[in-house]
Amino acid sequence: MAAVGSFLDARSRGGRWLVRMEDLDRARVLPGSAEGILRSLEAFGLSWDGEVVYQSRRTRLYADALAFLRTAGLTFECSCSRRELRAEEAGETGYPGTCREGPRRPGADTATRFRVDETQTLVVDDRFQGRIALAMGQLGDVIVRRRDGVFAYQLAVVVDDALQDVTDVVRGADLLESTGWQIALQRALGLPTPRYAHLPLLLERTGEKLAKSRRSAALEPRRAGPQLLEALGLLGLPAPAELAGAAPAELLEWARSRWPARQLPLPRELILPQRERSPRS
């Protein structure tokens, strides 16, 4: 749904729609997965602009950004394991600052964290969610380089957004908190801040994310039309009956002229209708 929403938002505003492969964690990347993603986007009529960016080919850029932060004294090394953080009732959100003055376990493998200003509250005028206040002390110091040496999403996406001249970021509301870290990193690196717009997160009635639910259906390019119709309905754009058999390009053009459909600000979460869907195989 986020891909369709961001595509419609870009096209309705006469903008470019960019595709980026977040493939930094090479150990978890399945062979052929990137090609499969691109084929699926094409099948659903989601045509992108420019070249596809592969983050795995841009690690030197992220290393330069990290070096800048280190020189500015804005990072520290953290030896905390996930188990230790769970024991302290912490996590990526709300890091308790355990290693701010140096790794608690000297000699252990460390991750690199970005040191946030704990007194700062960032106010974001989200295009879909309205005004959001993000207390950096509650978010905590975010990881920018993992202990295995892989650059973290928060740093990579900030560098890429700036280099690709991204003006608007449209994504799911599960990434709202990431906006605080990313704006802080942009300011530290002297990079521009794009406008943000967060679409509602799809939830089961149990509160479980659809993406992690048994009812989450895999994309089927052969059923691109019906699945796109379902996505448009969730975005508040139920298509008329005469478009039931339309091609994806026609559906997207119909939706583009009507975007956005829901009254703003949007809810942060949408509960799926209680009906059966094909489980993921």
C-alpha atoms as a PDB file:
ATOM      1  CA  MET A   1       0.000   0.000   0.000  1.00  0.00           C
ATOM      2  CA  ALA A   2       2.834   2.413   0.819  1.00  0.00           C
ATOM      3  CA  ALA A   3       4.357   1.946  -2.640  1.00  0.00           C
ATOM      4  CA  VAL A   4       1.052   2.740  -4.337  1.00  0.00           C
ATOM      5  CA  GLY A   5       0.419   5.721  -2.066  1.00  0.00           C
ATOM      6  CA  SER A   6       3.867   7.193  -2.617  1.00  0.00           C
ATOM      7  CA  PHE A   7       3.575   6.652  -6.378  1.00  0.00           C
ATOM      8  CA  LEU A   8       0.218   8.423  -6.552  1.00  0.00           C
ATOM      9  CA  ASP A   9       1.492  11.262  -4.397  1.00  0.00           C
ATOM     10  CA  ALA A  10       4.512  11.830  -6.634  1.00  0.00           C
ATOM     11  CA  ARG A  11       2.564  11.609  -9.879  1.00  0.00           C
ATOM     12  CA  SER A  12      -0.297  13.831  -8.635  1.00  0.00           C
ATOM     13  CA  ARG A  13       2.261  16.544  -7.828  1.00  0.00           C
ATOM     14  CA  GLY A  14       4.210  16.207 -11.076  1.00  0.00           C
ATOM     15  CA  GLY A  15       7.170  14.694  -9.258  1.00  0.00           C
ATOM     16  CA  ARG A  16       9.612  11.848  -9.792  1.00  0.00           C
ATOM     17  CA  TRP A  17       9.103   8.452  -8.152  1.00  0.00           C
ATOM     18  CA  LEU A  18      12.387   6.823  -7.188  1.00  0.00           C
ATOM     19  CA  VAL A  19      13.209   3.191  -6.429  1.00  0.00           C
ATOM     20  CA  ARG A  20      15.988   2.302  -3.997  1.00  0.00           C
ATOM     21  CA  MET A  21      17.150  -1.183  -3.032  1.00  0.00           C
ATOM     22  CA  GLU A  22      17.980  -1.334   0.661  1.00  0.00           C
ATOM     23  CA  ASP A  23      20.346  -4.261   0.292  1.00  0.00           C
ATOM     24  CA  LEU A  24      23.102  -3.376   2.765  1.00  0.00           C
ATOM     25  CA  ASP A  25      22.648  -6.574   4.753  1.00  0.00           C
ATOM     26  CA  ARG A  26      24.036  -8.820   2.025  1.00  0.00           C
ATOM     27  CA  ALA A  27      23.776 -11.956   4.157  1.00  0.00           C
ATOM     28  CA  ARG A  28      19.976 -11.641   4.123  1.00  0.00           C
ATOM     29  CA  VAL A  29      19.535 -10.705   0.463  1.00  0.00           C
ATOM     30  CA  LEU A  30      18.099 -13.570  -1.569  1.00  0.00           C
ATOM     31  CA  PRO A  31      19.546 -14.057  -5.072  1.00  0.00           C
ATOM     32  CA  GLY A  32      17.247 -12.534  -7.663  1.00  0.00           C
ATOM     33  CA  SER A  33      15.102 -10.695  -5.092  1.00  0.00           C
ATOM     34  CA  ALA A  34      15.854  -7.229  -6.493  1.00  0.00           C
ATOM     35  CA  GLU A  35      14.939  -8.320 -10.019  1.00  0.00           C
ATOM     36  CA  GLY A  36      11.734  -9.845  -8.669  1.00  0.00           C
ATOM     37  CA  ILE A  37      10.799  -6.595  -6.969  1.00  0.00           C
ATOM     38  CA  LEU A  38      11.345  -4.601 -10.143  1.00  0.00           C
ATOM     39  CA  ARG A  39       9.273  -7.058 -12.201  1.00  0.00           C
ATOM     40  CA  SER A  40       6.447  -6.785  -9.682  1.00  0.00           C
ATOM     41  CA  LEU A  41       6.519  -2.978  -9.797  1.00  0.00           C
ATOM     42  CA  GLU A  42       6.339  -3.094 -13.590  1.00  0.00           C
ATOM     43  CA  ALA A  43       3.435  -5.551 -13.494  1.00  0.00           C
ATOM     44  CA  PHE A  44       1.518  -3.204 -11.187  1.00  0.00           C
ATOM     45  CA  GLY A  45       2.162  -0.206 -13.436  1.00  0.00           C
ATOM     46  CA  LEU A  46       4.486   1.468 -10.929  1.00  0.00           C
ATOM     47  CA  SER A  47       7.049   2.952 -13.303  1.00  0.00           C
ATOM     48  CA  TRP A  48      10.013   4.658 -11.673  1.00  0.00           C
ATOM     49  CA  ASP A  49      12.202   7.545 -12.768  1.00  0.00           C
ATOM     50  CA  GLY A  50      15.956   7.389 -13.273  1.00  0.00           C
ATOM     51  CA  GLU A  51      18.270   4.571 -12.280  1.00  0.00           C
ATOM     52  CA  VAL A  52      17.548   2.170  -9.453  1.00  0.00           C
ATOM     53  CA  VAL A  53      19.885   2.886  -6.518  1.00  0.00           C
ATOM     54  CA  TYR A  54      21.491  -0.082  -4.761  1.00  0.00           C
ATOM     55  CA  GLN A  55      22.716   0.827  -1.297  1.00  0.00           C
ATOM     56  CA  SER A  56      25.246  -2.018  -1.332  1.00  0.00           C
ATOM     57  CA  ARG A  57      27.138  -0.071  -4.011  1.00  0.00           C
ATOM     58  CA  ARG A  58      27.279   3.157  -2.004  1.00  0.00           C
ATOM     59  CA  THR A  59      29.021   2.114   1.206  1.00  0.00           C
ATOM     60  CA  ARG A  60      31.877   4.601   0.657  1.00  0.00           C
ATOM     61  CA  LEU A  61      29.358   7.435   0.860  1.00  0.00           C
ATOM     62  CA  TYR A  62      27.989   6.139   4.160  1.00  0.00           C
ATOM     63  CA  ALA A  63      31.508   5.656   5.499  1.00  0.00           C
ATOM     64  CA  ASP A  64      32.313   9.291   4.702  1.00  0.00           C
ATOM     65  CA  ALA A  65      29.178  10.460   6.509  1.00  0.00           C
ATOM     66  CA  LEU A  66      30.017   8.333   9.542  1.00  0.00           C
ATOM     67  CA  ALA A  67      33.576   9.693   9.595  1.00  0.00           C
ATOM     68  CA  PHE A  68      32.174  13.238   9.618  1.00  0.00           C
ATOM     69  CA  LEU A  69      29.926  12.429  12.586  1.00  0.00           C
ATOM     70  CA  ARG A  70      32.808  10.823  14.468  1.00  0.00           C
ATOM     71  CA  THR A  71      35.080  13.797  13.896  1.00  0.00           C
ATOM     72  CA  ALA A  72      32.320  16.064  15.209  1.00  0.00           C
ATOM     73  CA  GLY A  73      32.083  13.958  18.377  1.00  0.00           C
ATOM     74  CA  LEU A  74      28.511  12.928  17.618  1.00  0.00           C
ATOM     75  CA  THR A  75      28.969   9.148  17.837  1.00  0.00           C
ATOM     76  CA  PHE A  76      30.070   6.615  20.425  1.00  0.00           C
ATOM     77  CA  GLU A  77      30.769   2.902  20.454  1.00  0.00           C
ATOM     78  CA  CYS A  78      28.232   0.642  22.151  1.00  0.00           C
ATOM     79  CA  SER A  79      28.903  -2.913  23.332  1.00  0.00           C
ATOM     80  CA  CYS A  80      25.330  -3.597  24.507  1.00  0.00           C
ATOM     81  CA  SER A  81      23.726  -6.742  23.136  1.00  0.00           C
ATOM     82  CA  ARG A  82      20.034  -6.967  22.362  1.00  0.00           C
ATOM     83  CA  ARG A  83      19.616  -9.259  25.340  1.00  0.00           C
ATOM     84  CA  GLU A  84      21.186  -6.693  27.643  1.00  0.00           C
ATOM     85  CA  LEU A  85      18.974  -3.938  26.295  1.00  0.00           C
ATOM     86  CA  ARG A  86      15.859  -6.076  26.695  1.00  0.00           C
ATOM     87  CA  ALA A  87      16.867  -6.733  30.272  1.00  0.00           C
ATOM     88  CA  GLU A  88      17.003  -2.980  30.821  1.00  0.00           C
ATOM     89  CA  GLU A  89      13.579  -2.601  29.201  1.00  0.00           C
ATOM     90  CA  ALA A  90      15.112  -0.719  26.314  1.00  0.00           C
ATOM     91  CA  GLY A  91      15.532  -1.329  22.608  1.00  0.00           C
ATOM     92  CA  GLU A  92      16.278   0.684  19.503  1.00  0.00           C
ATOM     93  CA  THR A  93      13.687   3.131  20.808  1.00  0.00           C
ATOM     94  CA  GLY A  94      14.618   4.523  24.199  1.00  0.00           C
ATOM     95  CA  TYR A  95      18.276   3.481  24.387  1.00  0.00           C
ATOM     96  CA  PRO A  96      19.242   4.204  28.027  1.00  0.00           C
ATOM     97  CA  GLY A  97      22.664   5.678  27.240  1.00  0.00           C
ATOM     98  CA  THR A  98      24.560   2.793  28.819  1.00  0.00           C
ATOM     99  CA  CYS A  99      27.753   3.216  26.754  1.00  0.00           C
ATOM    100  CA  ARG A 100      27.705   6.983  26.243  1.00  0.00           C
ATOM    101  CA  GLU A 101      30.901   7.365  28.264  1.00  0.00           C
ATOM    102  CA  GLY A 102      32.539   4.286  26.730  1.00  0.00           C
ATOM    103  CA  PRO A 103      31.658   0.647  26.000  1.00  0.00           C
ATOM    104  CA  ARG A 104      30.454  -1.202  29.083  1.00  0.00           C
ATOM    105  CA  ARG A 105      32.375  -4.280  27.925  1.00  0.00           C
ATOM    106  CA  PRO A 106      35.798  -3.072  26.702  1.00  0.00           C
ATOM    107  CA  GLY A 107      37.252  -5.263  23.977  1.00  0.00           C
ATOM    108  CA  ALA A 108      33.859  -6.531  22.812  1.00  0.00           C
ATOM    109  CA  ASP A 109      32.545  -5.957  19.295  1.00  0.00           C
ATOM    110  CA  THR A 110      30.714  -2.655  19.191  1.00  0.00           C
ATOM    111  CA  ALA A 111      28.054  -0.877  17.199  1.00  0.00           C
ATOM    112  CA  THR A 112      28.266   2.852  16.537  1.00  0.00           C
ATOM    113  CA  ARG A 113      25.465   5.038  17.866  1.00  0.00           C
ATOM    114  CA  PHE A 114      24.571   8.610  16.951  1.00  0.00           C
ATOM    115  CA  ARG A 115      24.438  10.788  20.057  1.00  0.00           C
ATOM    116  CA  VAL A 116      21.116  12.655  20.082  1.00  0.00           C
ATOM    117  CA  ASP A 117      20.388  15.842  21.988  1.00  0.00           C
ATOM    118  CA  GLU A 118      18.323  14.455  24.859  1.00  0.00           C
ATOM    119  CA  THR A 119      16.836  17.875  25.626  1.00  0.00           C
ATOM    120  CA  GLN A 120      15.532  18.423  22.109  1.00  0.00           C
ATOM    121  CA  THR A 121      11.984  17.949  20.852  1.00  0.00           C
ATOM    122  CA  LEU A 122      11.677  17.971  17.073  1.00  0.00           C
ATOM    123  CA  VAL A 123       8.375  19.238  15.694  1.00  0.00           C
ATOM    124  CA  VAL A 124       7.480  17.797  12.284  1.00  0.00           C
ATOM    125  CA  ASP A 125       4.658  19.095  10.112  1.00  0.00           C
ATOM    126  CA  ASP A 126       3.759  15.795   8.505  1.00  0.00           C
ATOM    127  CA  ARG A 127       1.723  16.260   5.336  1.00  0.00           C
ATOM    128  CA  PHE A 128      -0.645  13.400   6.222  1.00  0.00           C
ATOM    129  CA  GLN A 129      -0.439  13.136  10.004  1.00  0.00           C
ATOM    130  CA  GLY A 130      -0.340  16.803  10.956  1.00  0.00           C
ATOM    131  CA  ARG A 131       2.031  18.276  13.544  1.00  0.00           C
ATOM    132  CA  ILE A 132       4.063  15.629  15.391  1.00  0.00           C
ATOM    133  CA  ALA A 133       6.374  16.253  18.368  1.00  0.00           C
ATOM    134  CA  LEU A 134       9.284  13.807  18.716  1.00  0.00           C
ATOM    135  CA  ALA A 135      11.190  13.895  22.001  1.00  0.00           C
ATOM    136  CA  MET A 136      14.732  12.845  21.189  1.00  0.00           C
ATOM    137  CA  GLY A 137      15.432  11.826  24.780  1.00  0.00           C
ATOM    138  CA  GLN A 138      12.676   9.229  24.521  1.00  0.00           C
ATOM    139  CA  LEU A 139      13.881   7.995  21.143  1.00  0.00           C
ATOM    140  CA  GLY A 140      17.436   7.593  22.369  1.00  0.00           C
ATOM    141  CA  ASP A 141      20.779   7.221  20.582  1.00  0.00           C
ATOM    142  CA  VAL A 142      20.238   5.367  17.321  1.00  0.00           C
ATOM    143  CA  ILE A 143      22.589   2.819  15.751  1.00  0.00           C
ATOM    144  CA  VAL A 144      24.247   4.064  12.551  1.00  0.00           C
ATOM    145  CA  ARG A 145      26.697   1.173  12.116  1.00  0.00           C
ATOM    146  CA  ARG A 146      25.940  -2.318  13.365  1.00  0.00           C
ATOM    147  CA  ARG A 147      28.452  -4.432  15.265  1.00  0.00           C
ATOM    148  CA  ASP A 148      28.967  -6.567  12.135  1.00  0.00           C
ATOM    149  CA  GLY A 149      30.052  -3.453  10.224  1.00  0.00           C
ATOM    150  CA  VAL A 150      26.851  -3.019   8.195  1.00  0.00           C
ATOM    151  CA  PHE A 151      25.688   0.587   7.921  1.00  0.00           C
ATOM    152  CA  ALA A 152      22.249   1.085   9.437  1.00  0.00           C
ATOM    153  CA  TYR A 153      19.130   2.198   7.603  1.00  0.00           C
ATOM    154  CA  GLN A 154      18.870   5.526   9.433  1.00  0.00           C
ATOM    155  CA  LEU A 155      22.253   6.773   8.202  1.00  0.00           C
ATOM    156  CA  ALA A 156      22.062   5.323   4.693  1.00  0.00           C
ATOM    157  CA  VAL A 157      18.619   6.714   3.921  1.00  0.00           C
ATOM    158  CA  VAL A 158      19.615  10.216   5.036  1.00  0.00           C
ATOM    159  CA  VAL A 159      22.655  10.218   2.753  1.00  0.00           C
ATOM    160  CA  ASP A 160      20.686   8.787  -0.175  1.00  0.00           C
ATOM    161  CA  ASP A 161      17.773  11.221   0.181  1.00  0.00           C
ATOM    162  CA  ALA A 162      20.178  14.156  -0.012  1.00  0.00           C
ATOM    163  CA  LEU A 163      22.184  12.810  -2.951  1.00  0.00           C
ATOM    164  CA  GLN A 164      19.014  11.999  -4.906  1.00  0.00           C
ATOM    165  CA  ASP A 165      17.515  15.447  -4.233  1.00  0.00           C
ATOM    166  CA  VAL A 166      14.467  13.911  -2.561  1.00  0.00           C
ATOM    167  CA  THR A 167      11.947  16.614  -1.636  1.00  0.00           C
ATOM    168  CA  ASP A 168       9.133  14.418  -0.262  1.00  0.00           C
ATOM    169  CA  VAL A 169       9.261  11.129   1.634  1.00  0.00           C
ATOM    170  CA  VAL A 170       5.993   9.148   1.625  1.00  0.00           C
ATOM    171  CA  ARG A 171       5.960   5.950   3.693  1.00  0.00           C
ATOM    172  CA  GLY A 172       4.102   4.008   6.375  1.00  0.00           C
ATOM    173  CA  ALA A 173       3.338   5.408   9.825  1.00  0.00           C
ATOM    174  CA  ASP A 174       5.474   2.683  11.429  1.00  0.00           C
ATOM    175  CA  LEU A 175       8.452   4.863  10.435  1.00  0.00           C
ATOM    176  CA  LEU A 176       7.223   8.020  12.172  1.00  0.00           C
ATOM    177  CA  GLU A 177       9.779   7.723  14.972  1.00  0.00           C
ATOM    178  CA  SER A 178      12.553   7.267  12.428  1.00  0.00           C
ATOM    179  CA  THR A 179      11.781  10.767  11.199  1.00  0.00           C
ATOM    180  CA  GLY A 180      13.193  12.228  14.407  1.00  0.00           C
ATOM    181  CA  TRP A 181      16.498  10.394  14.031  1.00  0.00           C
ATOM    182  CA  GLN A 182      16.726  11.236  10.348  1.00  0.00           C
ATOM    183  CA  ILE A 183      16.118  14.948  10.837  1.00  0.00           C
ATOM    184  CA  ALA A 184      18.724  15.010  13.609  1.00  0.00           C
ATOM    185  CA  LEU A 185      21.211  13.266  11.323  1.00  0.00           C
ATOM    186  CA  GLN A 186      20.418  15.646   8.450  1.00  0.00           C
ATOM    187  CA  ARG A 187      21.135  18.629  10.649  1.00  0.00           C
ATOM    188  CA  ALA A 188      24.361  17.112  11.969  1.00  0.00           C
ATOM    189  CA  LEU A 189      25.559  16.380   8.418  1.00  0.00           C
ATOM    190  CA  GLY A 190      24.420  19.716   6.996  1.00  0.00           C
ATOM    191  CA  LEU A 191      21.916  18.060   4.660  1.00  0.00           C
ATOM    192  CA  PRO A 192      18.472  19.349   3.614  1.00  0.00           C
ATOM    193  CA  THR A 193      15.340  17.977   5.254  1.00  0.00           C
ATOM    194  CA  PRO A 194      12.594  16.763   2.912  1.00  0.00           C
ATOM    195  CA  ARG A 195       8.888  16.999   3.632  1.00  0.00           C
ATOM    196  CA  TYR A 196       7.450  13.885   5.278  1.00  0.00           C
ATOM    197  CA  ALA A 197       4.079  12.196   4.792  1.00  0.00           C
ATOM    198  CA  HIS A 198       3.187   9.002   6.650  1.00  0.00           C
ATOM    199  CA  LEU A 199       0.390   6.741   5.436  1.00  0.00           C
ATOM    200  CA  PRO A 200      -1.714   4.740   7.906  1.00  0.00           C
ATOM    201  CA  LEU A 201      -0.326   1.417   9.064  1.00  0.00           C
ATOM    202  CA  LEU A 202      -2.540  -1.581   8.246  1.00  0.00           C
ATOM    203  CA  LEU A 203      -3.382  -3.645  11.323  1.00  0.00           C
ATOM    204  CA  GLU A 204      -5.348  -6.764  12.097  1.00  0.00           C
ATOM    205  CA  ARG A 205      -8.088  -6.446  14.720  1.00  0.00           C
ATOM    206  CA  THR A 206      -5.644  -8.046  17.136  1.00  0.00           C
ATOM    207  CA  GLY A 207      -3.281  -5.089  16.640  1.00  0.00           C
ATOM    208  CA  GLU A 208      -0.818  -7.178  14.626  1.00  0.00           C
ATOM    209  CA  LYS A 209       0.772  -5.566  11.571  1.00  0.00           C
ATOM    210  CA  LEU A 210      -0.634  -6.946   8.317  1.00  0.00           C
ATOM    211  CA  ALA A 211       2.893  -7.440   6.983  1.00  0.00           C
ATOM    212  CA  LYS A 212       3.532  -9.960   9.772  1.00  0.00           C
ATOM    213  CA  SER A 213       0.105 -11.544   9.681  1.00  0.00           C
ATOM    214  CA  ARG A 214      -0.947 -14.903   8.249  1.00  0.00           C
ATOM    215  CA  ARG A 215      -3.477 -12.988   6.169  1.00  0.00           C
ATOM    216  CA  SER A 216      -0.737 -11.060   4.412  1.00  0.00           C
ATOM    217  CA  ALA A 217      -1.006 -12.130   0.785  1.00  0.00           C
ATOM    218  CA  ALA A 218       2.039 -12.165  -1.470  1.00  0.00           C
ATOM    219  CA  LEU A 219       1.986 -10.003  -4.583  1.00  0.00           C
ATOM    220  CA  GLU A 220       0.887 -11.890  -7.671  1.00  0.00           C
ATOM    221  CA  PRO A 221       1.747 -10.080 -10.929  1.00  0.00           C
ATOM    222  CA  ARG A 222      -0.875 -12.189 -12.722  1.00  0.00           C
ATOM    223  CA  ARG A 223      -3.483 -10.651 -10.392  1.00  0.00           C
ATOM    224  CA  ALA A 224      -2.069  -7.122 -10.527  1.00  0.00           C
ATOM    225  CA  GLY A 225      -5.430  -5.543 -11.367  1.00  0.00           C
ATOM    226  CA  PRO A 226      -7.475  -7.043  -8.505  1.00  0.00           C
ATOM    227  CA  GLN A 227      -4.685  -6.542  -5.959  1.00  0.00           C
ATOM    228  CA  LEU A 228      -4.216  -2.942  -7.044  1.00  0.00           C
ATOM    229  CA  LEU A 229      -7.955  -2.366  -6.689  1.00  0.00           C
ATOM    230  CA  GLU A 230      -7.717  -3.652  -3.110  1.00  0.00           C
ATOM    231  CA  ALA A 231      -4.799  -1.343  -2.338  1.00  0.00           C
ATOM    232  CA  LEU A 232      -6.665   1.646  -3.753  1.00  0.00           C
ATOM    233  CA  GLY A 233      -9.677   0.809  -1.607  1.00  0.00           C
ATOM    234  CA  LEU A 234      -7.510   0.775   1.517  1.00  0.00           C
ATOM    235  CA  LEU A 235      -6.141   4.170   0.494  1.00  0.00           C
ATOM    236  CA  GLY A 236      -9.674   5.520   0.374  1.00  0.00           C
ATOM    237  CA  LEU A 237     -10.105   5.252  -3.400  1.00  0.00           C
ATOM    238  CA  PRO A 238     -12.605   2.457  -4.095  1.00  0.00           C
ATOM    239  CA  ALA A 239     -12.827   2.225  -7.874  1.00  0.00           C
ATOM    240  CA  PRO A 240     -16.193   2.139  -9.650  1.00  0.00           C
ATOM    241  CA  ALA A 241     -17.502  -1.166 -10.959  1.00  0.00           C
ATOM    242  CA  GLU A 242     -16.654  -0.308 -14.557  1.00  0.00           C
ATOM    243  CA  LEU A 243     -12.943  -0.363 -13.667  1.00  0.00           C
ATOM    244  CA  ALA A 244     -13.064  -3.893 -12.264  1.00  0.00           C
ATOM    245  CA  GLY A 245     -11.207  -5.340 -15.250  1.00  0.00           C
ATOM    246  CA  ALA A 246      -9.037  -2.339 -16.048  1.00  0.00           C
ATOM    247  CA  ALA A 247      -5.291  -2.549 -16.571  1.00  0.00           C
ATOM    248  CA  PRO A 248      -3.027  -1.278 -13.772  1.00  0.00           C
ATOM    249  CA  ALA A 249      -1.991   1.812 -15.778  1.00  0.00           C
ATOM    250  CA  GLU A 250      -5.645   2.821 -16.201  1.00  0.00           C
ATOM    251  CA  LEU A 251      -6.390   2.256 -12.516  1.00  0.00           C
ATOM    252  CA  LEU A 252      -3.416   4.337 -11.442  1.00  0.00           C
ATOM    253  CA  GLU A 253      -4.333   7.182 -13.789  1.00  0.00           C
ATOM    254  CA  TRP A 254      -7.885   7.161 -12.410  1.00  0.00           C
ATOM    255  CA  ALA A 255      -6.514   7.264  -8.853  1.00  0.00           C
ATOM    256  CA  ARG A 256      -3.876   9.908  -9.583  1.00  0.00           C
ATOM    257  CA  SER A 257      -6.480  12.532 -10.440  1.00  0.00           C
ATOM    258  CA  ARG A 258      -8.307  11.838  -7.161  1.00  0.00           C
ATOM    259  CA  TRP A 259      -5.346  11.766  -4.782  1.00  0.00           C
ATOM    260  CA  PRO A 260      -5.410  12.193  -1.834  1.00  0.00           C
ATOM    261  CA  ALA A 261      -8.812  10.698  -1.131  1.00  0.00           C
ATOM    262  CA  ARG A 262      -9.127  10.701   2.658  1.00  0.00           C
ATOM    263  CA  GLN A 263      -9.701  13.796   4.714  1.00  0.00           C
ATOM    264  CA  LEU A 264      -6.472  15.084   6.254  1.00  0.00           C
ATOM    265  CA  PRO A 265      -4.936  14.528   8.714  1.00  0.00           C
ATOM    266  CA  LEU A 266      -4.984  10.770   8.178  1.00  0.00           C
ATOM    267  CA  PRO A 267      -5.251   8.220  10.992  1.00  0.00           C
ATOM    268  CA  ARG A 268      -2.005   6.556  11.979  1.00  0.00           C
ATOM    269  CA  GLU A 269      -3.579   3.105  11.832  1.00  0.00           C
ATOM    270  CA  LEU A 270      -6.277   1.381   9.798  1.00  0.00           C
ATOM    271  CA  ILE A 271      -7.965  -1.813  11.003  1.00  0.00           C
ATOM    272  CA  LEU A 272      -8.543  -4.297   8.200  1.00  0.00           C
ATOM    273  CA  PRO A 273     -12.086  -5.511   7.538  1.00  0.00           C
ATOM    274  CA  GLN A 274     -12.797  -8.857   9.165  1.00  0.00           C
ATOM    275  CA  ARG A 275     -12.900 -11.165   6.206  1.00  0.00           C
ATOM    276  CA  GLU A 276     -10.877 -14.087   4.951  1.00  0.00           C
ATOM    277  CA  ARG A 277      -7.915 -13.630   2.681  1.00  0.00           C
ATOM    278  CA  SER A 278      -5.571 -16.153   1.196  1.00  0.00           C
ATOM    279  CA  PRO A 279      -2.797 -16.886   3.696  1.00  0.00           C
ATOM    280  CA  ARG A 280       0.801 -16.462   2.639  1.00  0.00           C
ATOM    281  CA  SER A 281       2.262 -19.708   1.429  1.00  0.00           C
END
